[in-house]
Protein backbone atom coordinates (compact mmCIF):
# COMPACT_ATOMS: atom_id res chain seq x y z
CA ILE A 1 -45.67 -107.63 56.73
CA LEU A 2 -43.52 -105.87 54.13
CA TYR A 3 -41.60 -109.09 53.44
CA TYR A 4 -44.89 -110.92 52.92
CA SER A 5 -46.01 -108.22 50.51
CA GLY A 6 -42.64 -108.31 48.76
CA TYR A 7 -42.82 -112.06 48.18
CA THR A 8 -46.42 -111.78 46.95
CA ILE A 9 -45.64 -108.94 44.54
CA ALA A 10 -42.51 -110.71 43.34
CA SER A 11 -44.57 -113.77 42.41
CA GLN A 12 -47.01 -111.55 40.48
CA MET A 13 -44.17 -109.80 38.70
CA GLY A 14 -42.61 -113.15 37.88
CA LYS A 15 -45.79 -114.29 36.16
CA GLU A 16 -45.98 -111.03 34.20
CA ILE A 17 -42.43 -111.24 32.87
CA GLY A 18 -42.48 -114.99 32.25
CA ALA A 19 -40.10 -116.01 35.04
CA ALA A 20 -39.46 -119.69 35.66
CA GLU A 21 -42.40 -121.42 37.30
CA ASP A 22 -40.27 -122.72 40.17
CA GLU A 23 -39.10 -119.18 40.98
CA VAL A 24 -42.68 -117.91 41.07
CA LYS A 25 -43.69 -120.85 43.25
CA LYS A 26 -40.76 -120.21 45.59
CA MET A 27 -41.94 -116.64 46.21
CA LEU A 28 -45.52 -117.80 46.86
CA THR A 29 -44.30 -120.48 49.25
CA LYS A 30 -42.29 -117.96 51.24
CA ALA A 31 -45.27 -115.61 51.38
CA THR A 32 -47.58 -118.40 52.57
CA MET A 33 -45.19 -119.56 55.27
CA LEU A 34 -44.59 -116.04 56.53
CA LYS A 35 -48.30 -115.24 56.58
CA SER A 36 -48.99 -118.37 58.60
CA ALA A 37 -46.22 -117.56 61.08
CA ILE A 38 -47.47 -114.00 61.59
CA ARG A 39 -51.05 -115.10 62.14
CA SER A 40 -50.16 -117.88 64.57
CA ARG A 41 -47.39 -116.22 66.57
CA PHE A 42 -48.42 -112.56 66.83
CA TRP A 43 -52.15 -112.76 67.48
CA LEU A 44 -53.28 -111.77 71.00
CA PRO A 45 -56.60 -113.53 71.63
CA ASP A 46 -57.17 -111.82 74.98
CA LEU A 47 -56.72 -108.35 73.48
CA GLY A 48 -58.18 -109.05 70.05
CA TYR A 49 -55.39 -107.65 67.87
CA TYR A 50 -51.77 -108.25 66.87
CA ALA A 51 -48.73 -107.77 69.11
CA TYR A 52 -46.02 -105.23 68.30
CA PHE A 53 -43.16 -107.73 68.11
CA GLU A 54 -41.64 -110.85 69.61
CA ASP A 55 -38.56 -110.20 71.76
CA GLU A 56 -35.33 -112.18 72.00
CA LYS A 57 -36.90 -114.42 74.67
CA GLY A 58 -39.79 -115.32 72.42
CA GLU A 59 -42.23 -113.20 74.42
CA LEU A 60 -44.77 -110.99 72.71
CA ILE A 61 -44.66 -107.25 73.32
CA THR A 62 -48.35 -106.53 73.55
CA GLN A 63 -48.41 -102.88 72.52
CA MET A 64 -50.58 -102.14 69.50
CA GLU A 65 -48.57 -100.82 66.54
CA GLY A 66 -50.85 -98.96 64.17
CA LEU A 67 -48.89 -99.19 60.93
CA GLY A 68 -48.27 -102.93 61.19
CA VAL A 69 -51.89 -103.71 62.00
CA SER A 70 -53.08 -101.54 59.13
CA LEU A 71 -50.76 -103.23 56.64
CA ALA A 72 -51.85 -106.66 57.86
CA LEU A 73 -55.39 -105.75 56.81
CA ILE A 74 -54.53 -103.92 53.59
CA ASP A 75 -52.17 -106.63 52.33
CA GLU A 76 -54.55 -109.40 53.43
CA VAL A 77 -52.29 -111.10 55.92
CA GLU A 78 -55.46 -111.22 57.97
CA GLN A 79 -58.63 -112.26 56.12
CA ASP A 80 -60.58 -113.92 58.90
CA GLN A 81 -63.68 -111.76 59.36
CA ASP A 82 -63.95 -112.44 63.08
CA ARG A 83 -60.38 -111.29 63.65
CA ILE A 84 -60.84 -108.27 61.39
CA GLY A 85 -63.94 -107.26 63.34
CA SER A 86 -62.06 -107.78 66.59
CA ILE A 87 -59.21 -105.54 65.45
CA PHE A 88 -61.53 -102.65 64.59
CA THR A 89 -63.44 -103.11 67.86
CA ASN A 90 -60.47 -103.42 70.20
CA ILE A 91 -57.73 -101.22 68.72
CA PRO A 92 -57.45 -98.15 70.99
CA THR A 93 -58.21 -94.90 69.17
CA MET A 94 -58.21 -91.35 70.51
CA GLU A 95 -60.19 -88.20 69.82
CA TYR A 96 -57.94 -87.27 66.89
CA GLY A 97 -57.31 -90.74 65.56
CA LEU A 98 -55.14 -93.81 65.90
CA PRO A 99 -51.87 -93.48 67.87
CA CYS A 100 -48.93 -95.10 66.14
CA LEU A 101 -48.26 -97.17 69.30
CA TRP A 102 -50.36 -97.88 72.38
CA PRO A 103 -50.05 -98.09 75.32
CA GLN A 104 -46.98 -95.89 75.44
CA PHE A 105 -43.68 -97.23 76.71
CA TYR A 106 -42.61 -95.39 79.85
CA LEU A 107 -39.12 -94.09 79.13
CA GLY A 108 -38.87 -91.61 81.97
CA PRO A 109 -39.14 -87.83 81.63
CA ARG A 110 -39.03 -86.56 78.05
CA ARG A 111 -35.54 -85.65 77.00
CA GLY A 112 -35.92 -84.37 73.46
CA ILE A 113 -37.84 -85.71 70.48
CA PRO A 114 -36.01 -89.09 70.23
CA SER A 115 -37.39 -90.13 73.62
CA TYR A 116 -41.01 -90.02 72.48
CA TYR A 117 -40.93 -89.69 68.66
CA HIS A 118 -42.97 -92.80 67.82
CA ASN A 119 -44.15 -93.51 71.35
CA GLY A 120 -47.91 -93.16 71.23
CA LEU A 121 -48.24 -90.01 69.13
CA LEU A 122 -50.54 -89.37 66.16
CA TRP A 123 -48.81 -89.74 62.79
CA PRO A 124 -50.92 -88.76 59.76
CA PHE A 125 -49.30 -91.28 57.42
CA VAL A 126 -50.21 -94.07 59.86
CA GLN A 127 -53.72 -92.63 60.03
CA GLY A 128 -53.83 -92.84 56.24
CA TYR A 129 -53.02 -96.55 56.24
CA TRP A 130 -55.56 -97.15 59.03
CA ALA A 131 -58.24 -95.39 57.00
CA MET A 132 -57.39 -97.46 53.90
CA ALA A 133 -57.60 -100.63 56.00
CA ALA A 134 -61.03 -99.59 57.26
CA ALA A 135 -62.20 -98.73 53.75
CA LYS A 136 -60.96 -102.07 52.40
CA SER A 137 -62.99 -103.82 55.09
CA LYS A 138 -66.00 -101.53 54.46
CA ASN A 139 -65.92 -100.37 58.06
CA ILE A 140 -67.52 -97.02 57.36
CA ASP A 141 -67.51 -95.76 60.97
CA VAL A 142 -63.79 -96.33 61.51
CA PHE A 143 -63.01 -94.80 58.13
CA SER A 144 -65.16 -91.77 58.85
CA HIS A 145 -63.46 -91.16 62.21
CA ALA A 146 -59.98 -91.45 60.69
CA LEU A 147 -60.73 -89.07 57.83
CA SER A 148 -62.66 -86.50 59.84
CA SER A 149 -60.04 -86.48 62.61
CA LEU A 150 -57.13 -85.75 60.28
CA THR A 151 -59.25 -83.21 58.41
CA GLU A 152 -59.92 -81.38 61.67
CA LEU A 153 -56.23 -81.40 62.62
CA ALA A 154 -55.15 -80.06 59.22
CA VAL A 155 -57.83 -77.36 59.05
CA SER A 156 -57.30 -76.14 62.61
CA SER A 157 -53.52 -75.80 62.14
CA ASN A 158 -53.55 -74.87 58.43
CA THR A 159 -50.94 -77.54 57.74
CA PHE A 160 -50.19 -81.24 57.80
CA ALA A 161 -47.70 -81.68 60.63
CA GLU A 162 -45.25 -84.58 60.83
CA PHE A 163 -46.89 -85.83 64.03
CA TYR A 164 -49.32 -84.58 66.66
CA GLU A 165 -49.67 -84.91 70.40
CA LEU A 166 -52.85 -86.66 71.53
CA ASP A 167 -54.43 -83.28 72.18
CA GLY A 168 -53.83 -82.18 68.57
CA SER A 169 -50.90 -79.87 69.27
CA PHE A 170 -47.54 -80.18 67.48
CA LEU A 171 -44.08 -78.67 67.32
CA ASP A 172 -43.91 -75.68 64.99
CA GLY A 173 -40.80 -77.02 63.30
CA ARG A 174 -42.75 -80.08 62.14
CA ARG A 175 -45.14 -78.26 59.79
CA ARG A 176 -45.71 -78.84 56.04
CA GLN A 177 -44.88 -82.55 55.86
CA LEU A 178 -45.40 -84.10 52.43
CA TRP A 179 -45.82 -87.66 53.70
CA SER A 180 -48.57 -86.50 56.05
CA ALA A 181 -50.38 -84.77 53.19
CA THR A 182 -49.92 -87.92 51.09
CA GLY A 183 -51.53 -89.98 53.85
CA TYR A 184 -54.54 -87.69 53.65
CA LEU A 185 -54.68 -87.97 49.85
CA ALA A 186 -54.65 -91.75 50.23
CA MET A 187 -57.73 -91.47 52.43
CA ILE A 188 -59.46 -89.59 49.61
CA HIS A 189 -58.23 -91.61 46.63
CA GLN A 190 -58.05 -95.16 48.01
CA GLY A 191 -60.67 -94.66 50.72
CA LEU A 192 -63.44 -92.23 49.81
CA PHE A 193 -63.22 -92.93 46.06
CA GLY A 194 -62.14 -96.55 46.52
CA ILE A 195 -59.41 -96.51 43.87
CA ASP A 196 -57.68 -99.89 43.90
CA PHE A 197 -54.86 -100.29 41.38
CA ARG A 198 -54.74 -103.83 39.98
CA LEU A 199 -52.54 -105.52 37.37
CA GLY A 200 -55.15 -105.01 34.65
CA GLY A 201 -56.58 -101.65 35.66
CA ILE A 202 -58.48 -99.90 38.44
CA LYS A 203 -61.17 -101.46 40.59
CA PHE A 204 -63.47 -99.07 42.45
CA ALA A 205 -64.88 -99.68 45.94
CA PRO A 206 -65.81 -96.25 47.38
CA VAL A 207 -66.59 -95.68 51.04
CA LYS A 208 -68.59 -92.49 51.56
CA PRO A 209 -69.92 -91.86 55.07
CA MET A 210 -72.88 -89.53 55.42
CA SER A 211 -71.39 -88.42 58.74
CA LEU A 212 -68.63 -86.55 56.91
CA GLY A 213 -71.17 -83.94 55.90
CA VAL A 214 -70.00 -83.77 52.28
CA SER A 215 -72.38 -83.15 49.39
CA ASP A 216 -74.35 -85.92 47.68
CA GLU A 217 -71.94 -85.81 44.74
CA VAL A 218 -68.15 -85.60 45.09
CA GLN A 219 -65.67 -85.52 42.22
CA ILE A 220 -62.05 -85.99 41.22
CA GLU A 221 -61.17 -84.36 37.91
CA GLY A 222 -58.17 -85.09 35.72
CA LEU A 223 -56.82 -88.25 37.36
CA GLU A 224 -54.01 -89.45 35.07
CA TYR A 225 -53.46 -93.20 34.77
CA HIS A 226 -51.50 -94.86 31.97
CA SER A 227 -52.79 -93.27 28.72
CA MET A 228 -56.09 -92.09 30.14
CA ILE A 229 -57.46 -89.16 32.13
CA LEU A 230 -60.42 -89.90 34.39
CA ASP A 231 -63.08 -87.58 35.80
CA ILE A 232 -64.66 -89.53 38.65
CA SER A 233 -67.97 -88.82 40.40
CA ILE A 234 -69.58 -90.55 43.36
CA ILE A 235 -73.27 -89.91 43.96
CA GLY A 236 -74.84 -91.04 47.22
CA TYR A 237 -73.50 -92.53 50.44
CA GLY A 238 -72.42 -95.89 51.86
CA THR A 239 -70.18 -98.75 50.75
CA GLU A 240 -72.23 -100.56 48.10
CA ILE A 241 -72.26 -99.65 44.39
CA GLU A 242 -75.73 -99.72 42.86
CA GLU A 243 -74.67 -98.55 39.40
CA PHE A 244 -71.27 -98.05 37.73
CA LEU A 245 -71.10 -95.95 34.57
CA LEU A 246 -68.23 -95.37 32.15
CA ASN A 247 -68.96 -92.76 29.46
CA ASP A 248 -72.66 -93.02 30.40
CA ARG A 249 -72.61 -96.75 29.72
CA GLN A 250 -73.41 -99.11 32.58
CA LEU A 251 -70.80 -101.79 33.32
CA ASP A 252 -71.28 -105.10 35.11
CA GLU A 253 -68.19 -104.58 37.29
CA PRO A 254 -66.71 -101.39 38.82
CA PHE A 255 -63.49 -101.80 36.86
CA VAL A 256 -61.63 -99.69 34.29
CA SER A 257 -59.10 -101.48 32.11
CA HIS A 258 -55.56 -100.10 31.93
CA ASP A 259 -55.62 -99.99 28.12
CA LEU A 260 -58.23 -97.22 27.94
CA VAL A 261 -57.00 -94.11 26.09
CA GLY A 262 -58.07 -90.47 26.35
CA ARG A 263 -60.38 -88.59 28.70
CA HIS A 264 -63.35 -90.33 30.25
């Protein structure tokens, strides 16, 4: 998935800097071929989501891998709406969120952290990507569960741990993890407020579930971007924008250009 994203971004960068047309086309071709291979070789029609990996014998390992599936949705490797719906319906989630891998590999009795580190535990940064994938697809229920679950874990333990057991417990030495807190911030910025950074500016597509129990109006103040500072408010609930205002002026599209200057 990351290679696909790299090729896609490289082609965009090439256009921006005036790279040779054949170089830009080469990156796009590689991205297209890789996307096609992923979609055709890794999809599990009986399970309704993507396999973890293909082994040296060409056989698919059918465990669900949360980060990879999330990135496939965020980076638009998968755009088929039936498949996207199937993924959100069939991916196994737990009380406190999406395990990074499921079902777990049986590796025998636990013998220290390396024996179970990424084997079916709850990782907040993975949860962050899963929430962003749900928000991008406007799946408000999945997004709400991801955000509320990580909120509950953080509040109950007064920290963002590196990873959690399925019951919400964690090792004390794994407290205060910046990447876990960043995953939560991504849920707020890219999910709840729908901030989508584009080449020409910011597109907004907020996802605000009523089930979260937050107030009718939520705000971010002092968001710095290029030469501007934005104070952002969302009023109401749901996934559809009825009105988008910039400096009290209604705009046709929920988009703020990157060349704006000052506080707005």
